[in-house]
C-alpha atoms as a PDB file:
ATOM      1  CA  MET A   1      72.386  66.137 -22.908  1.00  0.00           C
ATOM      2  CA  SER A   2      70.016  63.355 -22.121  1.00  0.00           C
ATOM      3  CA  ASN A   3      68.885  61.980 -18.909  1.00  0.00           C
ATOM      4  CA  VAL A   4      70.128  58.711 -19.408  1.00  0.00           C
ATOM      5  CA  ALA A   5      73.455  60.224 -20.698  1.00  0.00           C
ATOM      6  CA  LYS A   6      73.489  61.861 -16.973  1.00  0.00           C
ATOM      7  CA  GLN A   7      72.848  59.202 -15.179  1.00  0.00           C
ATOM      8  CA  TRP A   8      75.253  57.032 -16.603  1.00  0.00           C
ATOM      9  CA  LEU A   9      77.756  60.143 -16.003  1.00  0.00           C
ATOM     10  CA  SER A  10      76.814  60.125 -12.002  1.00  0.00           C
ATOM     11  CA  ASN A  11      76.721  56.124 -11.834  1.00  0.00           C
ATOM     12  CA  THR A  12      80.211  56.332 -12.946  1.00  0.00           C
ATOM     13  CA  ARG A  13      81.597  59.101 -10.855  1.00  0.00           C
ATOM     14  CA  ALA A  14      79.477  57.303  -7.919  1.00  0.00           C
ATOM     15  CA  VAL A  15      81.802  54.201  -8.679  1.00  0.00           C
ATOM     16  CA  MET A  16      85.052  56.624  -8.579  1.00  0.00           C
ATOM     17  CA  ASP A  17      84.122  57.719  -5.297  1.00  0.00           C
ATOM     18  CA  ARG A  18      83.959  54.215  -3.169  1.00  0.00           C
ATOM     19  CA  ILE A  19      86.905  53.547  -5.445  1.00  0.00           C
ATOM     20  CA  GLU A  20      88.352  56.485  -3.677  1.00  0.00           C
ATOM     21  CA  GLN A  21      86.320  55.644  -0.495  1.00  0.00           C
ATOM     22  CA  THR A  22      87.065  52.231  -0.344  1.00  0.00           C
ATOM     23  CA  GLN A  23      90.276  50.766  -1.716  1.00  0.00           C
ATOM     24  CA  ILE A  24      93.173  52.815  -1.385  1.00  0.00           C
ATOM     25  CA  PRO A  25      94.521  50.735   1.470  1.00  0.00           C
ATOM     26  CA  ASN A  26      94.581  47.926  -1.172  1.00  0.00           C
ATOM     27  CA  ILE A  27      95.962  49.866  -3.898  1.00  0.00           C
ATOM     28  CA  ARG A  28      98.751  50.580  -1.999  1.00  0.00           C
ATOM     29  CA  LYS A  29      99.713  47.489  -0.693  1.00  0.00           C
ATOM     30  CA  ALA A  30      99.530  46.033  -4.449  1.00  0.00           C
ATOM     31  CA  ALA A  31     101.729  49.069  -5.327  1.00  0.00           C
ATOM     32  CA  GLU A  32     104.031  48.366  -2.909  1.00  0.00           C
ATOM     33  CA  ALA A  33     104.527  44.905  -3.756  1.00  0.00           C
ATOM     34  CA  MET A  34     104.456  45.552  -7.672  1.00  0.00           C
ATOM     35  CA  ALA A  35     107.239  47.877  -6.776  1.00  0.00           C
ATOM     36  CA  ASP A  36     109.599  45.699  -5.135  1.00  0.00           C
ATOM     37  CA  THR A  37     108.783  43.627  -8.216  1.00  0.00           C
ATOM     38  CA  ILE A  38     109.913  46.852 -10.994  1.00  0.00           C
ATOM     39  CA  ALA A  39     112.720  47.401  -8.608  1.00  0.00           C
ATOM     40  CA  ALA A  40     114.068  43.696  -8.877  1.00  0.00           C
ATOM     41  CA  GLU A  41     113.803  44.324 -12.333  1.00  0.00           C
ATOM     42  CA  ARG A  42     111.601  41.642 -13.407  1.00  0.00           C
ATOM     43  CA  TRP A  43     108.050  42.001 -14.315  1.00  0.00           C
ATOM     44  CA  VAL A  44     104.514  42.556 -13.184  1.00  0.00           C
ATOM     45  CA  HIS A  45     103.094  40.514 -15.688  1.00  0.00           C
ATOM     46  CA  THR A  46      98.951  41.178 -16.708  1.00  0.00           C
ATOM     47  CA  PHE A  47      96.375  39.605 -17.950  1.00  0.00           C
ATOM     48  CA  GLY A  48      92.545  39.351 -18.779  1.00  0.00           C
ATOM     49  CA  CYS A  49      90.084  38.693 -21.354  1.00  0.00           C
ATOM     50  CA  GLY A  50      87.682  40.446 -23.357  1.00  0.00           C
ATOM     51  CA  HIS A  51      87.144  43.737 -22.667  1.00  0.00           C
ATOM     52  CA  ALA A  52      89.027  43.292 -19.218  1.00  0.00           C
ATOM     53  CA  THR A  53      92.217  44.334 -21.559  1.00  0.00           C
ATOM     54  CA  ILE A  54      91.367  47.553 -21.995  1.00  0.00           C
ATOM     55  CA  PRO A  55      92.865  48.027 -19.094  1.00  0.00           C
ATOM     56  CA  ILE A  56      96.166  46.436 -19.947  1.00  0.00           C
ATOM     57  CA  GLU A  57      96.382  47.950 -23.413  1.00  0.00           C
ATOM     58  CA  ASP A  58      96.260  51.474 -21.371  1.00  0.00           C
ATOM     59  CA  MET A  59      98.912  50.895 -19.114  1.00  0.00           C
ATOM     60  CA  TYR A  60     101.736  49.822 -21.651  1.00  0.00           C
ATOM     61  CA  PRO A  61     103.193  50.862 -23.942  1.00  0.00           C
ATOM     62  CA  ARG A  62     101.506  54.278 -23.880  1.00  0.00           C
ATOM     63  CA  ILE A  63     102.285  57.716 -22.502  1.00  0.00           C
ATOM     64  CA  GLY A  64     103.042  58.000 -19.225  1.00  0.00           C
ATOM     65  CA  GLY A  65     103.451  54.661 -18.489  1.00  0.00           C
ATOM     66  CA  PHE A  66     106.743  52.825 -17.868  1.00  0.00           C
ATOM     67  CA  VAL A  67     108.842  49.782 -18.181  1.00  0.00           C
ATOM     68  CA  GLY A  68     107.944  46.722 -15.740  1.00  0.00           C
ATOM     69  CA  PHE A  69     104.615  45.905 -16.599  1.00  0.00           C
ATOM     70  CA  HIS A  70     104.720  43.124 -18.982  1.00  0.00           C
ATOM     71  CA  PRO A  71     100.985  42.632 -21.025  1.00  0.00           C
ATOM     72  CA  MET A  72      99.775  38.951 -21.974  1.00  0.00           C
ATOM     73  CA  CYS A  73      96.819  39.601 -24.228  1.00  0.00           C
ATOM     74  CA  GLU A  74      96.312  36.303 -25.830  1.00  0.00           C
ATOM     75  CA  LEU A  75      94.946  36.892 -29.426  1.00  0.00           C
ATOM     76  CA  PRO A  76      91.307  34.955 -29.510  1.00  0.00           C
ATOM     77  CA  LEU A  77      90.858  36.668 -26.242  1.00  0.00           C
ATOM     78  CA  THR A  78      90.992  39.784 -27.389  1.00  0.00           C
ATOM     79  CA  PHE A  79      90.333  40.467 -31.058  1.00  0.00           C
ATOM     80  CA  PHE A  80      86.696  39.527 -31.342  1.00  0.00           C
ATOM     81  CA  THR A  81      86.214  43.000 -33.002  1.00  0.00           C
ATOM     82  CA  ARG A  82      85.029  41.187 -36.241  1.00  0.00           C
ATOM     83  CA  ILE A  83      81.593  40.257 -34.011  1.00  0.00           C
ATOM     84  CA  VAL A  84      80.643  37.532 -35.780  1.00  0.00           C
ATOM     85  CA  GLY A  85      82.165  34.878 -38.501  1.00  0.00           C
ATOM     86  CA  GLU A  86      85.793  34.353 -37.842  1.00  0.00           C
ATOM     87  CA  GLY A  87      87.359  34.907 -34.611  1.00  0.00           C
ATOM     88  CA  GLY A  88      83.953  36.434 -33.685  1.00  0.00           C
ATOM     89  CA  VAL A  89      81.898  36.854 -30.417  1.00  0.00           C
ATOM     90  CA  HIS A  90      80.863  33.282 -29.827  1.00  0.00           C
ATOM     91  CA  GLN A  91      84.036  32.032 -30.134  1.00  0.00           C
ATOM     92  CA  PHE A  92      85.492  34.176 -27.879  1.00  0.00           C
ATOM     93  CA  VAL A  93      82.376  33.395 -24.915  1.00  0.00           C
ATOM     94  CA  PHE A  94      83.203  29.779 -25.576  1.00  0.00           C
ATOM     95  CA  LEU A  95      87.352  30.076 -25.270  1.00  0.00           C
ATOM     96  CA  GLU A  96      87.255  31.980 -21.982  1.00  0.00           C
ATOM     97  CA  ARG A  97      85.076  29.102 -19.793  1.00  0.00           C
ATOM     98  CA  VAL A  98      87.830  26.361 -21.174  1.00  0.00           C
ATOM     99  CA  GLU A  99      89.935  25.258 -18.450  1.00  0.00           C
ATOM    100  CA  GLY A 100      93.006  24.641 -19.385  1.00  0.00           C
ATOM    101  CA  TYR A 101      93.413  27.373 -21.755  1.00  0.00           C
ATOM    102  CA  GLY A 102      95.232  29.621 -19.341  1.00  0.00           C
ATOM    103  CA  ILE A 103      97.619  26.729 -18.731  1.00  0.00           C
ATOM    104  CA  GLN A 104      98.497  26.365 -22.274  1.00  0.00           C
ATOM    105  CA  ILE A 105      99.135  30.191 -22.339  1.00  0.00           C
ATOM    106  CA  MET A 106     101.517  30.534 -19.593  1.00  0.00           C
ATOM    107  CA  LYS A 107     103.245  27.744 -21.190  1.00  0.00           C
ATOM    108  CA  GLY A 108     104.522  30.579 -23.391  1.00  0.00           C
ATOM    109  CA  TYR A 109     106.314  32.536 -21.002  1.00  0.00           C
ATOM    110  CA  ASN A 110     109.574  32.376 -18.682  1.00  0.00           C
ATOM    111  CA  PHE A 111     108.416  33.433 -14.988  1.00  0.00           C
ATOM    112  CA  ASP A 112     110.218  34.194 -11.809  1.00  0.00           C
ATOM    113  CA  LYS A 113     109.430  33.468  -8.254  1.00  0.00           C
ATOM    114  CA  ARG A 114     109.615  37.553  -7.894  1.00  0.00           C
ATOM    115  CA  ASP A 115     107.698  38.021 -10.765  1.00  0.00           C
ATOM    116  CA  ILE A 116     103.506  39.181  -9.772  1.00  0.00           C
ATOM    117  CA  MET A 117     100.564  37.994 -11.769  1.00  0.00           C
ATOM    118  CA  TRP A 118      97.998  41.057 -12.208  1.00  0.00           C
ATOM    119  CA  ILE A 119      94.925  40.181 -13.603  1.00  0.00           C
ATOM    120  CA  PHE A 120      91.620  41.955 -14.232  1.00  0.00           C
ATOM    121  CA  SER A 121      88.242  39.974 -14.101  1.00  0.00           C
ATOM    122  CA  HIS A 122      84.962  41.585 -13.181  1.00  0.00           C
ATOM    123  CA  SER A 123      83.234  38.930 -12.293  1.00  0.00           C
ATOM    124  CA  GLY A 124      86.283  36.669 -11.357  1.00  0.00           C
ATOM    125  CA  ILE A 125      84.437  33.248 -12.176  1.00  0.00           C
ATOM    126  CA  ASN A 126      85.946  32.180 -15.847  1.00  0.00           C
ATOM    127  CA  ASN A 127      88.218  29.767 -16.573  1.00  0.00           C
ATOM    128  CA  VAL A 128      90.867  30.790 -18.549  1.00  0.00           C
ATOM    129  CA  ASN A 129      91.746  33.772 -15.649  1.00  0.00           C
ATOM    130  CA  ILE A 130      90.951  31.134 -12.807  1.00  0.00           C
ATOM    131  CA  ASP A 131      93.512  28.771 -14.824  1.00  0.00           C
ATOM    132  CA  VAL A 132      96.548  32.249 -15.095  1.00  0.00           C
ATOM    133  CA  ALA A 133      95.949  32.479 -11.175  1.00  0.00           C
ATOM    134  CA  LEU A 134      96.514  29.224 -10.606  1.00  0.00           C
ATOM    135  CA  GLU A 135      99.680  28.643 -12.692  1.00  0.00           C
ATOM    136  CA  ALA A 136     101.163  31.261 -11.603  1.00  0.00           C
ATOM    137  CA  LYS A 137     100.369  30.690  -7.780  1.00  0.00           C
ATOM    138  CA  ARG A 138     102.176  27.220  -8.739  1.00  0.00           C
ATOM    139  CA  LEU A 139     104.862  28.480 -10.162  1.00  0.00           C
ATOM    140  CA  GLY A 140     105.195  30.803  -6.985  1.00  0.00           C
ATOM    141  CA  MET A 141     104.191  34.256  -8.310  1.00  0.00           C
ATOM    142  CA  LYS A 142     102.069  36.280  -6.297  1.00  0.00           C
ATOM    143  CA  VAL A 143      98.273  37.124  -7.840  1.00  0.00           C
ATOM    144  CA  ILE A 144      96.595  40.105  -7.815  1.00  0.00           C
ATOM    145  CA  ALA A 145      93.373  40.435  -9.088  1.00  0.00           C
ATOM    146  CA  TYR A 146      90.974  43.597  -9.431  1.00  0.00           C
ATOM    147  CA  GLY A 147      87.700  43.304 -10.399  1.00  0.00           C
ATOM    148  CA  SER A 148      84.037  43.339  -9.137  1.00  0.00           C
ATOM    149  CA  ALA A 149      84.373  41.705  -5.725  1.00  0.00           C
ATOM    150  CA  ALA A 150      81.761  42.306  -3.553  1.00  0.00           C
ATOM    151  CA  GLU A 151      79.302  42.453  -6.016  1.00  0.00           C
ATOM    152  CA  ALA A 152      80.613  39.509  -7.031  1.00  0.00           C
ATOM    153  CA  LYS A 153      80.503  37.235  -3.599  1.00  0.00           C
ATOM    154  CA  GLY A 154      78.659  33.566  -3.621  1.00  0.00           C
ATOM    155  CA  LYS A 155      78.223  33.735  -7.500  1.00  0.00           C
ATOM    156  CA  GLN A 156      79.563  29.913  -9.068  1.00  0.00           C
ATOM    157  CA  THR A 157      82.792  29.712 -10.743  1.00  0.00           C
ATOM    158  CA  ARG A 158      83.033  27.479 -13.967  1.00  0.00           C
ATOM    159  CA  HIS A 159      86.244  25.952 -12.780  1.00  0.00           C
ATOM    160  CA  SER A 160      86.650  22.993 -11.082  1.00  0.00           C
ATOM    161  CA  SER A 161      88.572  23.987  -8.273  1.00  0.00           C
ATOM    162  CA  GLY A 162      86.025  25.319  -7.443  1.00  0.00           C
ATOM    163  CA  LYS A 163      87.154  28.870  -6.799  1.00  0.00           C
ATOM    164  CA  SER A 164      86.884  32.522  -8.351  1.00  0.00           C
ATOM    165  CA  ILE A 165      89.678  34.896  -9.160  1.00  0.00           C
ATOM    166  CA  PHE A 166      89.203  36.436  -5.909  1.00  0.00           C
ATOM    167  CA  ASP A 167      89.377  33.084  -4.074  1.00  0.00           C
ATOM    168  CA  ILE A 168      92.736  32.579  -5.155  1.00  0.00           C
ATOM    169  CA  ALA A 169      94.336  36.548  -5.024  1.00  0.00           C
ATOM    170  CA  ASP A 170      97.163  37.249  -2.433  1.00  0.00           C
ATOM    171  CA  ILE A 171      95.904  41.349  -2.972  1.00  0.00           C
ATOM    172  CA  ILE A 172      92.220  42.083  -4.436  1.00  0.00           C
ATOM    173  CA  VAL A 173      91.351  45.546  -5.364  1.00  0.00           C
ATOM    174  CA  ASP A 174      87.687  46.195  -5.793  1.00  0.00           C
ATOM    175  CA  THR A 175      86.610  48.492  -8.783  1.00  0.00           C
ATOM    176  CA  CYS A 176      83.105  48.917  -7.266  1.00  0.00           C
ATOM    177  CA  ALA A 177      81.684  48.033 -10.606  1.00  0.00           C
ATOM    178  CA  PRO A 178      77.845  46.617 -10.223  1.00  0.00           C
ATOM    179  CA  ILE A 179      78.025  43.027 -11.601  1.00  0.00           C
ATOM    180  CA  GLY A 180      75.922  43.770 -14.233  1.00  0.00           C
ATOM    181  CA  ASP A 181      78.188  46.070 -15.816  1.00  0.00           C
ATOM    182  CA  ALA A 182      75.171  48.165 -17.190  1.00  0.00           C
ATOM    183  CA  CYS A 183      73.846  50.958 -15.201  1.00  0.00           C
ATOM    184  CA  VAL A 184      71.243  52.684 -16.940  1.00  0.00           C
ATOM    185  CA  PRO A 185      67.908  51.132 -17.633  1.00  0.00           C
ATOM    186  CA  LEU A 186      66.084  51.951 -20.986  1.00  0.00           C
ATOM    187  CA  LYS A 187      62.660  52.250 -21.701  1.00  0.00           C
ATOM    188  CA  ASN A 188      60.721  49.362 -23.001  1.00  0.00           C
ATOM    189  CA  HIS A 189      63.842  47.280 -22.336  1.00  0.00           C
ATOM    190  CA  LYS A 190      64.958  44.333 -20.121  1.00  0.00           C
ATOM    191  CA  ASP A 191      69.153  45.113 -20.522  1.00  0.00           C
ATOM    192  CA  LYS A 192      70.348  47.978 -19.239  1.00  0.00           C
ATOM    193  CA  VAL A 193      72.989  50.623 -21.217  1.00  0.00           C
ATOM    194  CA  GLY A 194      76.127  51.709 -20.107  1.00  0.00           C
ATOM    195  CA  PRO A 195      78.778  49.461 -18.767  1.00  0.00           C
ATOM    196  CA  VAL A 196      80.959  51.231 -16.159  1.00  0.00           C
ATOM    197  CA  SER A 197      83.280  48.553 -15.886  1.00  0.00           C
ATOM    198  CA  THR A 198      86.740  49.545 -18.059  1.00  0.00           C
ATOM    199  CA  MET A 199      86.338  52.890 -16.557  1.00  0.00           C
ATOM    200  CA  ALA A 200      86.290  51.538 -12.794  1.00  0.00           C
ATOM    201  CA  PHE A 201      89.380  49.181 -14.057  1.00  0.00           C
ATOM    202  CA  VAL A 202      90.835  52.464 -15.645  1.00  0.00           C
ATOM    203  CA  THR A 203      90.315  54.208 -12.503  1.00  0.00           C
ATOM    204  CA  CYS A 204      92.274  51.791 -10.484  1.00  0.00           C
ATOM    205  CA  VAL A 205      95.315  51.109 -12.844  1.00  0.00           C
ATOM    206  CA  TRP A 206      96.515  54.854 -13.060  1.00  0.00           C
ATOM    207  CA  MET A 207      95.758  55.271  -9.395  1.00  0.00           C
ATOM    208  CA  THR A 208      97.923  51.917  -9.105  1.00  0.00           C
ATOM    209  CA  VAL A 209     100.788  52.742 -11.363  1.00  0.00           C
ATOM    210  CA  CYS A 210     101.053  56.631 -10.167  1.00  0.00           C
ATOM    211  CA  THR A 211     101.834  55.086  -6.984  1.00  0.00           C
ATOM    212  CA  VAL A 212     104.198  52.600  -7.821  1.00  0.00           C
ATOM    213  CA  ALA A 213     105.664  54.857  -9.512  1.00  0.00           C
ATOM    214  CA  GLU A 214     105.909  57.693  -6.686  1.00  0.00           C
ATOM    215  CA  ILE A 215     107.228  54.692  -4.580  1.00  0.00           C
ATOM    216  CA  LEU A 216     109.578  53.641  -6.779  1.00  0.00           C
ATOM    217  CA  ALA A 217     110.964  57.228  -7.518  1.00  0.00           C
ATOM    218  CA  ASP A 218     110.870  58.135  -3.326  1.00  0.00           C
ATOM    219  CA  ARG A 219     113.447  55.128  -3.312  1.00  0.00           C
ATOM    220  CA  GLY A 220     115.834  56.727  -5.852  1.00  0.00           C
ATOM    221  CA  VAL A 221     114.671  53.859  -9.072  1.00  0.00           C
ATOM    222  CA  LYS A 222     114.948  55.080 -12.240  1.00  0.00           C
ATOM    223  CA  LEU A 223     112.053  54.648 -14.095  1.00  0.00           C
ATOM    224  CA  TYR A 224     111.787  54.681 -18.129  1.00  0.00           C
ATOM    225  CA  ILE A 225     108.663  56.443 -18.581  1.00  0.00           C
ATOM    226  CA  ASN A 226     107.010  56.467 -22.308  1.00  0.00           C
ATOM    227  CA  PRO A 227     107.073  60.296 -23.436  1.00  0.00           C
ATOM    228  CA  SER A 228     105.233  62.126 -25.177  1.00  0.00           C
ATOM    229  CA  HIS A 229     105.712  62.576 -28.667  1.00  0.00           C
ATOM    230  CA  ASN A 230     103.275  64.744 -29.989  1.00  0.00           C
ATOM    231  CA  VAL A 231     104.640  67.868 -27.981  1.00  0.00           C
ATOM    232  CA  PRO A 232     105.928  70.700 -30.083  1.00  0.00           C
ATOM    233  CA  GLY A 233     109.320  72.002 -28.685  1.00  0.00           C
ATOM    234  CA  ASP A 234     110.245  68.768 -27.097  1.00  0.00           C
ATOM    235  CA  THR A 235     113.550  67.808 -28.627  1.00  0.00           C
ATOM    236  CA  THR A 236     114.699  64.639 -26.756  1.00  0.00           C
ATOM    237  CA  ALA A 237     111.367  63.155 -26.716  1.00  0.00           C
ATOM    238  CA  LYS A 238     112.176  60.768 -28.976  1.00  0.00           C
ATOM    239  CA  GLN A 239     115.374  59.666 -27.611  1.00  0.00           C
ATOM    240  CA  ARG A 240     113.435  58.664 -24.214  1.00  0.00           C
ATOM    241  CA  LEU A 241     110.872  57.300 -26.237  1.00  0.00           C
ATOM    242  CA  ASP A 242     114.001  54.985 -27.587  1.00  0.00           C
ATOM    243  CA  GLU A 243     115.909  54.802 -24.377  1.00  0.00           C
ATOM    244  CA  ALA A 244     112.341  53.141 -22.754  1.00  0.00           C
ATOM    245  CA  LEU A 245     111.838  50.455 -25.431  1.00  0.00           C
ATOM    246  CA  ALA A 246     115.205  49.677 -25.667  1.00  0.00           C
ATOM    247  CA  GLU A 247     115.013  49.088 -21.704  1.00  0.00           C
ATOM    248  CA  TYR A 248     111.835  47.049 -21.981  1.00  0.00           C
ATOM    249  CA  LYS A 249     113.430  44.859 -24.848  1.00  0.00           C
ATOM    250  CA  ARG A 250     116.591  44.395 -22.699  1.00  0.00           C
ATOM    251  CA  ARG A 251     114.204  42.979 -19.664  1.00  0.00           C
ATOM    252  CA  ILE A 252     112.153  41.039 -21.761  1.00  0.00           C
ATOM    253  CA  ALA A 253     114.817  39.286 -23.266  1.00  0.00           C
ATOM    254  CA  GLY A 254     114.330  35.813 -20.983  1.00  0.00           C
ATOM    255  CA  VAL A 255     110.595  36.311 -20.675  1.00  0.00           C
END
């Protein structure tokens, strides 16, 4: 293994260690709020832009995830894998900074005061995320923000409110990733390689979702979990998956 690869691995482990050492109480607080929402058959809405949609897509729908989390993935803010041309990176970077866009996104859904808006934002300063957070608060929802809160402290917001995501949120979990994200210096180059924010986000997501599951199971609440449908001999996996998707369909009808 190369020295650069080892350095990235070491840095990633260090981020995960810091999450474990510092964020478990905050994760528990977030999980308890989410458990209350899901037990009431309401939604934890999940939102992010760019690579901050990866933890959303990893959460639900997937094996080991369960009904209660509603992904809000706005296509122009997520699908930029053409890189250039139609739907490219230039357009994405512009759009996530357009104030008012998030309010238009929120118009496409129905919300309830018992719902939670769970926002992923590494820096917390871009306008679409802040729009969504402010609108969620206006509608009476709790806002939970996951991102590099300590590292982003003092960083200038781009929003006219003067607030960042971390100023708005009711509950914050710090992903403990460096604000520059990439973490490994490279010979003869100014920019580093090896981002760690995705690993940090996904670590925090599954620590949280597993805690929510534990809380609900302890309360006797039935979870509709997406099973693996690739395990030989599991003859009821398709039935359990169908049940989970049917329950999701039933609950999402009003959204």
